[in-house]
Amino acid sequence: MFMLDDPLSKVELKNVIEGKGAARRIPLAVHNWVYSTGVFGSREPEFKTVLEQYPADIQIYILGMPSIKPR
């Protein structure tokens, strides 16, 4: 399977995050959201094939989930 584009460089990604300019394309982080292990059952190989086509520009990131207080 071929990759659609090379991952963005650290400098390109840093510039986008810091608002210093655009990269050659939008940064992608789909791999962190589409975690296929044990989720897609018999279709897991199909999902892995799709993910292999897209570069992973952001390998690790932490999201602070807001706390929700009941009313």
Protein backbone atom coordinates (compact mmCIF):
# COMPACT_ATOMS: atom_id res chain seq x y z
CA MET A 1 0.00 0.00 0.00
CA PHE A 2 1.26 3.50 -0.76
CA MET A 3 1.12 6.53 1.51
CA LEU A 4 -0.75 9.54 0.10
CA ASP A 5 1.89 12.02 1.30
CA ASP A 6 4.98 12.19 3.47
CA PRO A 7 4.41 13.19 7.11
CA LEU A 8 4.91 16.88 7.87
CA SER A 9 8.30 17.82 9.27
CA LYS A 10 8.65 18.96 12.88
CA VAL A 11 9.25 22.51 11.65
CA GLU A 12 6.11 22.51 9.48
CA LEU A 13 3.96 21.20 12.33
CA LYS A 14 5.49 23.61 14.85
CA ASN A 15 4.82 26.56 12.54
CA VAL A 16 1.17 25.55 12.13
CA ILE A 17 0.67 25.13 15.90
CA GLU A 18 2.35 28.47 16.63
CA GLY A 19 0.37 30.26 13.91
CA LYS A 20 3.52 31.12 11.94
CA GLY A 21 2.23 29.91 8.60
CA ALA A 22 0.57 27.12 6.73
CA ALA A 23 2.08 23.74 5.97
CA ARG A 24 1.80 22.13 2.53
CA ARG A 25 -1.41 20.45 3.77
CA ILE A 26 -3.58 20.15 6.89
CA PRO A 27 -1.88 18.19 9.72
CA LEU A 28 -3.41 14.75 10.21
CA ALA A 29 -3.98 12.97 13.50
CA VAL A 30 -6.61 10.42 12.50
CA HIS A 31 -4.62 7.44 13.82
CA ASN A 32 -5.23 8.46 17.43
CA TRP A 33 -8.99 8.56 16.88
CA VAL A 34 -9.38 5.38 14.84
CA TYR A 35 -7.82 2.81 17.13
CA SER A 36 -8.75 -0.49 15.51
CA THR A 37 -7.41 -3.16 17.87
CA GLY A 38 -10.35 -5.31 18.88
CA VAL A 39 -12.93 -2.69 17.88
CA PHE A 40 -13.76 -3.56 14.28
CA GLY A 41 -13.75 -7.35 14.58
CA SER A 42 -13.37 -9.15 11.27
CA ARG A 43 -13.05 -5.80 9.41
CA GLU A 44 -9.90 -4.79 11.33
CA PRO A 45 -7.52 -5.60 8.41
CA GLU A 46 -9.62 -3.36 6.15
CA PHE A 47 -9.34 -0.41 8.56
CA LYS A 48 -5.58 -0.94 8.99
CA THR A 49 -5.17 -0.86 5.20
CA VAL A 50 -6.98 2.50 5.04
CA LEU A 51 -4.88 3.96 7.89
CA GLU A 52 -1.63 2.86 6.21
CA GLN A 53 -2.47 5.24 3.34
CA TYR A 54 -2.39 8.36 5.53
CA PRO A 55 0.62 9.90 7.26
CA ALA A 56 0.57 10.32 11.03
CA ASP A 57 1.79 13.88 11.59
CA ILE A 58 1.12 13.82 15.33
CA GLN A 59 2.29 10.66 17.09
CA ILE A 60 1.32 11.42 20.68
CA TYR A 61 -0.80 14.15 22.17
CA ILE A 62 -2.78 14.61 25.34
CA LEU A 63 -6.23 16.09 25.41
CA GLY A 64 -7.54 17.59 28.62
CA MET A 65 -11.15 16.51 28.83
CA PRO A 66 -13.33 19.09 30.58
CA SER A 67 -15.18 18.00 33.68
CA ILE A 68 -18.94 18.15 33.38
CA LYS A 69 -20.89 19.02 36.49
CA PRO A 70 -24.46 17.75 36.68
CA ARG A 71 -27.12 20.44 37.00
